[in-house]
Amino acid sequence: MNLYIASTGLTTQEAIRHGFKARSAAITARTKARYYPGGGYVTIKLIIDESSMRILGAQVLGDDGSYVLGKIDTLAALMAKGGNR
């Protein structure tokens, strides 16, 4: 069960409950180019406020713990700075 899950900020339901006009989108991509050995897959979901385009939350799921940790750390730092899409 080598599956790693990380989350930061609000979920879509929490954002709606707090009065945001929340939208979310998810992508699944490879962690390395297909011609490099050892790559896996990662799914990243972002939750944004539609009116301000500010990132409200994120979830990352993948089979490489350090990759998942790096992505969620980057997204958390971007959110702390008030980043938007």
PDB file of N, CA and C in Angstrom:
ATOM      1  N   MET A   1       0.840  -1.181   0.000  1.00  0.00           N
ATOM      2  CA  MET A   1       0.000   0.000   0.000  1.00  0.00           C
ATOM      3  C   MET A   1       0.887   1.248   0.000  1.00  0.00           C
ATOM      4  N   ASN A   2       1.732   1.396  -0.970  1.00  0.00           N
ATOM      5  CA  ASN A   2       2.608   2.567  -1.082  1.00  0.00           C
ATOM      6  C   ASN A   2       1.855   3.739  -1.680  1.00  0.00           C
ATOM      7  N   LEU A   3       0.933   4.290  -0.909  1.00  0.00           N
ATOM      8  CA  LEU A   3       0.149   5.426  -1.357  1.00  0.00           C
ATOM      9  C   LEU A   3       0.283   6.530  -0.328  1.00  0.00           C
ATOM     10  N   TYR A   4       0.656   7.697  -0.790  1.00  0.00           N
ATOM     11  CA  TYR A   4       0.861   8.840   0.099  1.00  0.00           C
ATOM     12  C   TYR A   4      -0.173   9.903  -0.242  1.00  0.00           C
ATOM     13  N   ILE A   5      -0.781  10.487   0.791  1.00  0.00           N
ATOM     14  CA  ILE A   5      -1.821  11.495   0.624  1.00  0.00           C
ATOM     15  C   ILE A   5      -1.466  12.692   1.489  1.00  0.00           C
ATOM     16  N   ALA A   6      -1.558  13.891   0.923  1.00  0.00           N
ATOM     17  CA  ALA A   6      -1.275  15.110   1.681  1.00  0.00           C
ATOM     18  C   ALA A   6      -2.342  16.152   1.333  1.00  0.00           C
ATOM     19  N   SER A   7      -2.637  17.012   2.297  1.00  0.00           N
ATOM     20  CA  SER A   7      -3.643  18.038   2.106  1.00  0.00           C
ATOM     21  C   SER A   7      -3.217  19.310   2.819  1.00  0.00           C
ATOM     22  N   THR A   8      -3.589  20.445   2.261  1.00  0.00           N
ATOM     23  CA  THR A   8      -3.353  21.728   2.903  1.00  0.00           C
ATOM     24  C   THR A   8      -4.533  22.644   2.604  1.00  0.00           C
ATOM     25  N   GLY A   9      -4.842  23.528   3.514  1.00  0.00           N
ATOM     26  CA  GLY A   9      -5.933  24.472   3.307  1.00  0.00           C
ATOM     27  C   GLY A   9      -7.294  23.829   3.433  1.00  0.00           C
ATOM     28  N   LEU A  10      -8.245  24.381   2.701  1.00  0.00           N
ATOM     29  CA  LEU A  10      -9.634  23.945   2.774  1.00  0.00           C
ATOM     30  C   LEU A  10      -9.960  22.895   1.728  1.00  0.00           C
ATOM     31  N   THR A  11     -10.905  22.019   2.055  1.00  0.00           N
ATOM     32  CA  THR A  11     -11.473  21.129   1.047  1.00  0.00           C
ATOM     33  C   THR A  11     -12.553  21.920   0.306  1.00  0.00           C
ATOM     34  N   THR A  12     -13.062  21.372  -0.768  1.00  0.00           N
ATOM     35  CA  THR A  12     -14.111  22.056  -1.527  1.00  0.00           C
ATOM     36  C   THR A  12     -15.333  22.307  -0.652  1.00  0.00           C
ATOM     37  N   GLN A  13     -15.753  21.310   0.104  1.00  0.00           N
ATOM     38  CA  GLN A  13     -16.935  21.444   0.956  1.00  0.00           C
ATOM     39  C   GLN A  13     -16.712  22.481   2.062  1.00  0.00           C
ATOM     40  N   GLU A  14     -15.525  22.497   2.649  1.00  0.00           N
ATOM     41  CA  GLU A  14     -15.221  23.492   3.690  1.00  0.00           C
ATOM     42  C   GLU A  14     -15.235  24.907   3.109  1.00  0.00           C
ATOM     43  N   ALA A  15     -14.693  25.072   1.928  1.00  0.00           N
ATOM     44  CA  ALA A  15     -14.652  26.391   1.292  1.00  0.00           C
ATOM     45  C   ALA A  15     -16.064  26.902   1.023  1.00  0.00           C
ATOM     46  N   ILE A  16     -16.937  26.042   0.529  1.00  0.00           N
ATOM     47  CA  ILE A  16     -18.323  26.427   0.282  1.00  0.00           C
ATOM     48  C   ILE A  16     -19.009  26.781   1.593  1.00  0.00           C
ATOM     49  N   ARG A  17     -18.769  25.987   2.611  1.00  0.00           N
ATOM     50  CA  ARG A  17     -19.367  26.229   3.920  1.00  0.00           C
ATOM     51  C   ARG A  17     -18.923  27.574   4.504  1.00  0.00           C
ATOM     52  N   HIS A  18     -17.713  28.021   4.175  1.00  0.00           N
ATOM     53  CA  HIS A  18     -17.197  29.298   4.662  1.00  0.00           C
ATOM     54  C   HIS A  18     -17.572  30.474   3.756  1.00  0.00           C
ATOM     55  N   GLY A  19     -18.400  30.229   2.763  1.00  0.00           N
ATOM     56  CA  GLY A  19     -18.918  31.309   1.933  1.00  0.00           C
ATOM     57  C   GLY A  19     -18.144  31.614   0.666  1.00  0.00           C
ATOM     58  N   PHE A  20     -17.141  30.833   0.343  1.00  0.00           N
ATOM     59  CA  PHE A  20     -16.402  31.050  -0.901  1.00  0.00           C
ATOM     60  C   PHE A  20     -17.163  30.447  -2.072  1.00  0.00           C
ATOM     61  N   LYS A  21     -16.985  31.017  -3.241  1.00  0.00           N
ATOM     62  CA  LYS A  21     -17.510  30.413  -4.464  1.00  0.00           C
ATOM     63  C   LYS A  21     -16.407  29.485  -4.985  1.00  0.00           C
ATOM     64  N   ALA A  22     -16.359  28.314  -4.405  1.00  0.00           N
ATOM     65  CA  ALA A  22     -15.237  27.396  -4.626  1.00  0.00           C
ATOM     66  C   ALA A  22     -15.397  26.598  -5.904  1.00  0.00           C
ATOM     67  N   ARG A  23     -14.293  26.445  -6.589  1.00  0.00           N
ATOM     68  CA  ARG A  23     -14.175  25.580  -7.763  1.00  0.00           C
ATOM     69  C   ARG A  23     -12.959  24.701  -7.561  1.00  0.00           C
ATOM     70  N   SER A  24     -13.012  23.510  -8.134  1.00  0.00           N
ATOM     71  CA  SER A  24     -11.860  22.623  -8.007  1.00  0.00           C
ATOM     72  C   SER A  24     -11.583  21.941  -9.340  1.00  0.00           C
ATOM     73  N   ALA A  25     -10.334  21.536  -9.485  1.00  0.00           N
ATOM     74  CA  ALA A  25      -9.907  20.793 -10.661  1.00  0.00           C
ATOM     75  C   ALA A  25      -8.792  19.859 -10.235  1.00  0.00           C
ATOM     76  N   ALA A  26      -8.749  18.702 -10.864  1.00  0.00           N
ATOM     77  CA  ALA A  26      -7.721  17.713 -10.546  1.00  0.00           C
ATOM     78  C   ALA A  26      -7.054  17.239 -11.833  1.00  0.00           C
ATOM     79  N   ILE A  27      -5.764  16.945 -11.713  1.00  0.00           N
ATOM     80  CA  ILE A  27      -5.014  16.360 -12.830  1.00  0.00           C
ATOM     81  C   ILE A  27      -4.261  15.137 -12.328  1.00  0.00           C
ATOM     82  N   THR A  28      -4.005  14.217 -13.215  1.00  0.00           N
ATOM     83  CA  THR A  28      -3.133  13.083 -12.935  1.00  0.00           C
ATOM     84  C   THR A  28      -2.013  13.120 -13.956  1.00  0.00           C
ATOM     85  N   ALA A  29      -0.779  13.031 -13.469  1.00  0.00           N
ATOM     86  CA  ALA A  29       0.378  13.126 -14.360  1.00  0.00           C
ATOM     87  C   ALA A  29       1.483  12.197 -13.881  1.00  0.00           C
ATOM     88  N   ARG A  30       2.442  11.974 -14.731  1.00  0.00           N
ATOM     89  CA  ARG A  30       3.604  11.155 -14.367  1.00  0.00           C
ATOM     90  C   ARG A  30       4.573  11.997 -13.540  1.00  0.00           C
ATOM     91  N   THR A  31       5.303  11.339 -12.644  1.00  0.00           N
ATOM     92  CA  THR A  31       6.286  12.049 -11.828  1.00  0.00           C
ATOM     93  C   THR A  31       7.609  12.230 -12.554  1.00  0.00           C
ATOM     94  N   LYS A  32       7.843  11.448 -13.573  1.00  0.00           N
ATOM     95  CA  LYS A  32       9.042  11.563 -14.411  1.00  0.00           C
ATOM     96  C   LYS A  32       8.620  11.349 -15.856  1.00  0.00           C
ATOM     97  N   ALA A  33       9.441  11.821 -16.766  1.00  0.00           N
ATOM     98  CA  ALA A  33       9.174  11.562 -18.180  1.00  0.00           C
ATOM     99  C   ALA A  33       9.109  10.055 -18.413  1.00  0.00           C
ATOM    100  N   ARG A  34       8.283   9.633 -19.346  1.00  0.00           N
ATOM    101  CA  ARG A  34       8.038   8.184 -19.523  1.00  0.00           C
ATOM    102  C   ARG A  34       9.290   7.398 -19.890  1.00  0.00           C
ATOM    103  N   TYR A  35      10.310   8.067 -20.441  1.00  0.00           N
ATOM    104  CA  TYR A  35      11.521   7.350 -20.827  1.00  0.00           C
ATOM    105  C   TYR A  35      12.516   7.216 -19.676  1.00  0.00           C
ATOM    106  N   TYR A  36      12.247   7.845 -18.519  1.00  0.00           N
ATOM    107  CA  TYR A  36      13.084   7.653 -17.337  1.00  0.00           C
ATOM    108  C   TYR A  36      12.543   6.496 -16.516  1.00  0.00           C
ATOM    109  N   PRO A  37      13.411   5.629 -16.023  1.00  0.00           N
ATOM    110  CA  PRO A  37      12.921   4.515 -15.198  1.00  0.00           C
ATOM    111  C   PRO A  37      12.466   5.001 -13.816  1.00  0.00           C
ATOM    112  N   GLY A  38      11.542   4.252 -13.249  1.00  0.00           N
ATOM    113  CA  GLY A  38      11.138   4.494 -11.867  1.00  0.00           C
ATOM    114  C   GLY A  38      10.078   5.544 -11.647  1.00  0.00           C
ATOM    115  N   GLY A  39       9.506   6.064 -12.687  1.00  0.00           N
ATOM    116  CA  GLY A  39       8.470   7.083 -12.518  1.00  0.00           C
ATOM    117  C   GLY A  39       7.152   6.477 -12.068  1.00  0.00           C
ATOM    118  N   GLY A  40       6.348   7.284 -11.446  1.00  0.00           N
ATOM    119  CA  GLY A  40       5.022   6.873 -11.018  1.00  0.00           C
ATOM    120  C   GLY A  40       4.012   7.923 -11.430  1.00  0.00           C
ATOM    121  N   TYR A  41       2.883   7.901 -10.759  1.00  0.00           N
ATOM    122  CA  TYR A  41       1.825   8.850 -11.045  1.00  0.00           C
ATOM    123  C   TYR A  41       1.490   9.665  -9.815  1.00  0.00           C
ATOM    124  N   VAL A  42       0.998  10.881 -10.039  1.00  0.00           N
ATOM    125  CA  VAL A  42       0.566  11.762  -8.964  1.00  0.00           C
ATOM    126  C   VAL A  42      -0.737  12.426  -9.409  1.00  0.00           C
ATOM    127  N   THR A  43      -1.654  12.597  -8.458  1.00  0.00           N
ATOM    128  CA  THR A  43      -2.883  13.335  -8.714  1.00  0.00           C
ATOM    129  C   THR A  43      -2.876  14.564  -7.818  1.00  0.00           C
ATOM    130  N   ILE A  44      -3.117  15.720  -8.410  1.00  0.00           N
ATOM    131  CA  ILE A  44      -3.138  16.975  -7.664  1.00  0.00           C
ATOM    132  C   ILE A  44      -4.487  17.641  -7.890  1.00  0.00           C
ATOM    133  N   LYS A  45      -5.136  18.025  -6.778  1.00  0.00           N
ATOM    134  CA  LYS A  45      -6.408  18.732  -6.831  1.00  0.00           C
ATOM    135  C   LYS A  45      -6.224  20.097  -6.187  1.00  0.00           C
ATOM    136  N   LEU A  46      -6.639  21.150  -6.898  1.00  0.00           N
ATOM    137  CA  LEU A  46      -6.589  22.511  -6.366  1.00  0.00           C
ATOM    138  C   LEU A  46      -8.005  23.023  -6.165  1.00  0.00           C
ATOM    139  N   ILE A  47      -8.209  23.738  -5.075  1.00  0.00           N
ATOM    140  CA  ILE A  47      -9.472  24.384  -4.778  1.00  0.00           C
ATOM    141  C   ILE A  47      -9.213  25.887  -4.799  1.00  0.00           C
ATOM    142  N   ILE A  48      -9.990  26.618  -5.597  1.00  0.00           N
ATOM    143  CA  ILE A  48      -9.795  28.058  -5.705  1.00  0.00           C
ATOM    144  C   ILE A  48     -11.103  28.794  -5.411  1.00  0.00           C
ATOM    145  N   ASP A  49     -10.983  30.066  -5.069  1.00  0.00           N
ATOM    146  CA  ASP A  49     -12.129  30.950  -4.959  1.00  0.00           C
ATOM    147  C   ASP A  49     -12.324  31.572  -6.335  1.00  0.00           C
ATOM    148  N   GLU A  50     -13.476  31.338  -6.929  1.00  0.00           N
ATOM    149  CA  GLU A  50     -13.704  31.767  -8.306  1.00  0.00           C
ATOM    150  C   GLU A  50     -13.626  33.285  -8.480  1.00  0.00           C
ATOM    151  N   SER A  51     -14.056  34.046  -7.494  1.00  0.00           N
ATOM    152  CA  SER A  51     -14.057  35.498  -7.665  1.00  0.00           C
ATOM    153  C   SER A  51     -12.658  36.110  -7.579  1.00  0.00           C
ATOM    154  N   SER A  52     -11.818  35.621  -6.673  1.00  0.00           N
ATOM    155  CA  SER A  52     -10.478  36.192  -6.518  1.00  0.00           C
ATOM    156  C   SER A  52      -9.390  35.356  -7.179  1.00  0.00           C
ATOM    157  N   MET A  53      -9.726  34.138  -7.584  1.00  0.00           N
ATOM    158  CA  MET A  53      -8.778  33.165  -8.161  1.00  0.00           C
ATOM    159  C   MET A  53      -7.691  32.770  -7.161  1.00  0.00           C
ATOM    160  N   ARG A  54      -7.910  33.011  -5.877  1.00  0.00           N
ATOM    161  CA  ARG A  54      -6.957  32.638  -4.833  1.00  0.00           C
ATOM    162  C   ARG A  54      -7.058  31.146  -4.545  1.00  0.00           C
ATOM    163  N   ILE A  55      -5.921  30.501  -4.361  1.00  0.00           N
ATOM    164  CA  ILE A  55      -5.901  29.082  -4.023  1.00  0.00           C
ATOM    165  C   ILE A  55      -6.301  28.936  -2.558  1.00  0.00           C
ATOM    166  N   LEU A  56      -7.347  28.144  -2.311  1.00  0.00           N
ATOM    167  CA  LEU A  56      -7.855  27.935  -0.957  1.00  0.00           C
ATOM    168  C   LEU A  56      -7.380  26.625  -0.353  1.00  0.00           C
ATOM    169  N   GLY A  57      -7.080  25.644  -1.184  1.00  0.00           N
ATOM    170  CA  GLY A  57      -6.652  24.356  -0.670  1.00  0.00           C
ATOM    171  C   GLY A  57      -6.108  23.478  -1.776  1.00  0.00           C
ATOM    172  N   ALA A  58      -5.478  22.386  -1.362  1.00  0.00           N
ATOM    173  CA  ALA A  58      -4.905  21.441  -2.318  1.00  0.00           C
ATOM    174  C   ALA A  58      -4.802  20.066  -1.683  1.00  0.00           C
ATOM    175  N   GLN A  59      -4.912  19.051  -2.505  1.00  0.00           N
ATOM    176  CA  GLN A  59      -4.664  17.679  -2.092  1.00  0.00           C
ATOM    177  C   GLN A  59      -3.758  17.022  -3.133  1.00  0.00           C
ATOM    178  N   VAL A  60      -2.822  16.228  -2.645  1.00  0.00           N
ATOM    179  CA  VAL A  60      -1.882  15.533  -3.526  1.00  0.00           C
ATOM    180  C   VAL A  60      -1.869  14.061  -3.129  1.00  0.00           C
ATOM    181  N   LEU A  61      -1.916  13.191  -4.122  1.00  0.00           N
ATOM    182  CA  LEU A  61      -1.955  11.746  -3.909  1.00  0.00           C
ATOM    183  C   LEU A  61      -0.970  11.098  -4.868  1.00  0.00           C
ATOM    184  N   GLY A  62      -0.106  10.239  -4.357  1.00  0.00           N
ATOM    185  CA  GLY A  62       0.851   9.573  -5.235  1.00  0.00           C
ATOM    186  C   GLY A  62       1.582   8.443  -4.558  1.00  0.00           C
ATOM    187  N   ASP A  63       2.415   7.759  -5.325  1.00  0.00           N
ATOM    188  CA  ASP A  63       3.133   6.597  -4.790  1.00  0.00           C
ATOM    189  C   ASP A  63       4.570   6.902  -4.377  1.00  0.00           C
ATOM    190  N   ASP A  64       4.990   8.157  -4.519  1.00  0.00           N
ATOM    191  CA  ASP A  64       6.332   8.573  -4.112  1.00  0.00           C
ATOM    192  C   ASP A  64       6.186   9.632  -3.013  1.00  0.00           C
ATOM    193  N   GLY A  65       6.478   9.237  -1.778  1.00  0.00           N
ATOM    194  CA  GLY A  65       6.277  10.109  -0.625  1.00  0.00           C
ATOM    195  C   GLY A  65       7.021  11.424  -0.706  1.00  0.00           C
ATOM    196  N   SER A  66       8.271  11.405  -1.145  1.00  0.00           N
ATOM    197  CA  SER A  66       9.037  12.643  -1.206  1.00  0.00           C
ATOM    198  C   SER A  66       8.498  13.573  -2.296  1.00  0.00           C
ATOM    199  N   TYR A  67       7.990  13.025  -3.375  1.00  0.00           N
ATOM    200  CA  TYR A  67       7.409  13.832  -4.445  1.00  0.00           C
ATOM    201  C   TYR A  67       6.127  14.502  -3.948  1.00  0.00           C
ATOM    202  N   VAL A  68       5.264  13.720  -3.284  1.00  0.00           N
ATOM    203  CA  VAL A  68       4.018  14.250  -2.733  1.00  0.00           C
ATOM    204  C   VAL A  68       4.323  15.344  -1.717  1.00  0.00           C
ATOM    205  N   LEU A  69       5.281  15.099  -0.841  1.00  0.00           N
ATOM    206  CA  LEU A  69       5.655  16.083   0.177  1.00  0.00           C
ATOM    207  C   LEU A  69       6.168  17.372  -0.462  1.00  0.00           C
ATOM    208  N   GLY A  70       6.994  17.257  -1.482  1.00  0.00           N
ATOM    209  CA  GLY A  70       7.526  18.437  -2.163  1.00  0.00           C
ATOM    210  C   GLY A  70       6.431  19.265  -2.808  1.00  0.00           C
ATOM    211  N   LYS A  71       5.472  18.609  -3.447  1.00  0.00           N
ATOM    212  CA  LYS A  71       4.375  19.332  -4.096  1.00  0.00           C
ATOM    213  C   LYS A  71       3.488  20.034  -3.066  1.00  0.00           C
ATOM    214  N   ILE A  72       3.123  19.348  -1.975  1.00  0.00           N
ATOM    215  CA  ILE A  72       2.229  19.955  -0.995  1.00  0.00           C
ATOM    216  C   ILE A  72       2.931  21.087  -0.256  1.00  0.00           C
ATOM    217  N   ASP A  73       4.223  20.943  -0.004  1.00  0.00           N
ATOM    218  CA  ASP A  73       4.983  22.029   0.631  1.00  0.00           C
ATOM    219  C   ASP A  73       5.009  23.275  -0.251  1.00  0.00           C
ATOM    220  N   THR A  74       5.220  23.085  -1.533  1.00  0.00           N
ATOM    221  CA  THR A  74       5.240  24.204  -2.472  1.00  0.00           C
ATOM    222  C   THR A  74       3.883  24.891  -2.540  1.00  0.00           C
ATOM    223  N   LEU A  75       2.821  24.100  -2.595  1.00  0.00           N
ATOM    224  CA  LEU A  75       1.481  24.672  -2.649  1.00  0.00           C
ATOM    225  C   LEU A  75       1.133  25.401  -1.353  1.00  0.00           C
ATOM    226  N   ALA A  76       1.535  24.856  -0.205  1.00  0.00           N
ATOM    227  CA  ALA A  76       1.274  25.515   1.078  1.00  0.00           C
ATOM    228  C   ALA A  76       2.002  26.854   1.154  1.00  0.00           C
ATOM    229  N   ALA A  77       3.223  26.899   0.663  1.00  0.00           N
ATOM    230  CA  ALA A  77       3.981  28.157   0.666  1.00  0.00           C
ATOM    231  C   ALA A  77       3.325  29.175  -0.260  1.00  0.00           C
ATOM    232  N   LEU A  78       2.876  28.743  -1.417  1.00  0.00           N
ATOM    233  CA  LEU A  78       2.184  29.635  -2.348  1.00  0.00           C
ATOM    234  C   LEU A  78       0.900  30.185  -1.722  1.00  0.00           C
ATOM    235  N   MET A  79       0.152  29.325  -1.045  1.00  0.00           N
ATOM    236  CA  MET A  79      -1.084  29.765  -0.384  1.00  0.00           C
ATOM    237  C   MET A  79      -0.784  30.758   0.735  1.00  0.00           C
ATOM    238  N   ALA A  80       0.278  30.529   1.483  1.00  0.00           N
ATOM    239  CA  ALA A  80       0.645  31.432   2.581  1.00  0.00           C
ATOM    240  C   ALA A  80       0.989  32.831   2.063  1.00  0.00           C
ATOM    241  N   LYS A  81       1.492  32.904   0.846  1.00  0.00           N
ATOM    242  CA  LYS A  81       1.827  34.196   0.241  1.00  0.00           C
ATOM    243  C   LYS A  81       0.636  34.822  -0.488  1.00  0.00           C
ATOM    244  N   GLY A  82      -0.543  34.162  -0.385  1.00  0.00           N
ATOM    245  CA  GLY A  82      -1.737  34.700  -1.046  1.00  0.00           C
ATOM    246  C   GLY A  82      -1.756  34.446  -2.525  1.00  0.00           C
ATOM    247  N   GLY A  83      -1.071  33.391  -2.950  1.00  0.00           N
ATOM    248  CA  GLY A  83      -0.940  33.113  -4.375  1.00  0.00           C
ATOM    249  C   GLY A  83      -2.260  32.773  -5.034  1.00  0.00           C
ATOM    250  N   ASN A  84      -2.291  32.998  -6.318  1.00  0.00           N
ATOM    251  CA  ASN A  84      -3.443  32.598  -7.106  1.00  0.00           C
ATOM    252  C   ASN A  84      -2.950  31.825  -8.306  1.00  0.00           C
ATOM    253  N   ARG A  85      -3.875  31.321  -9.049  1.00  0.00           N
ATOM    254  CA  ARG A  85      -3.561  30.423 -10.150  1.00  0.00           C
ATOM    255  C   ARG A  85      -2.433  30.953 -10.953  1.00  0.00           C
TER     256      ARG A  85
END
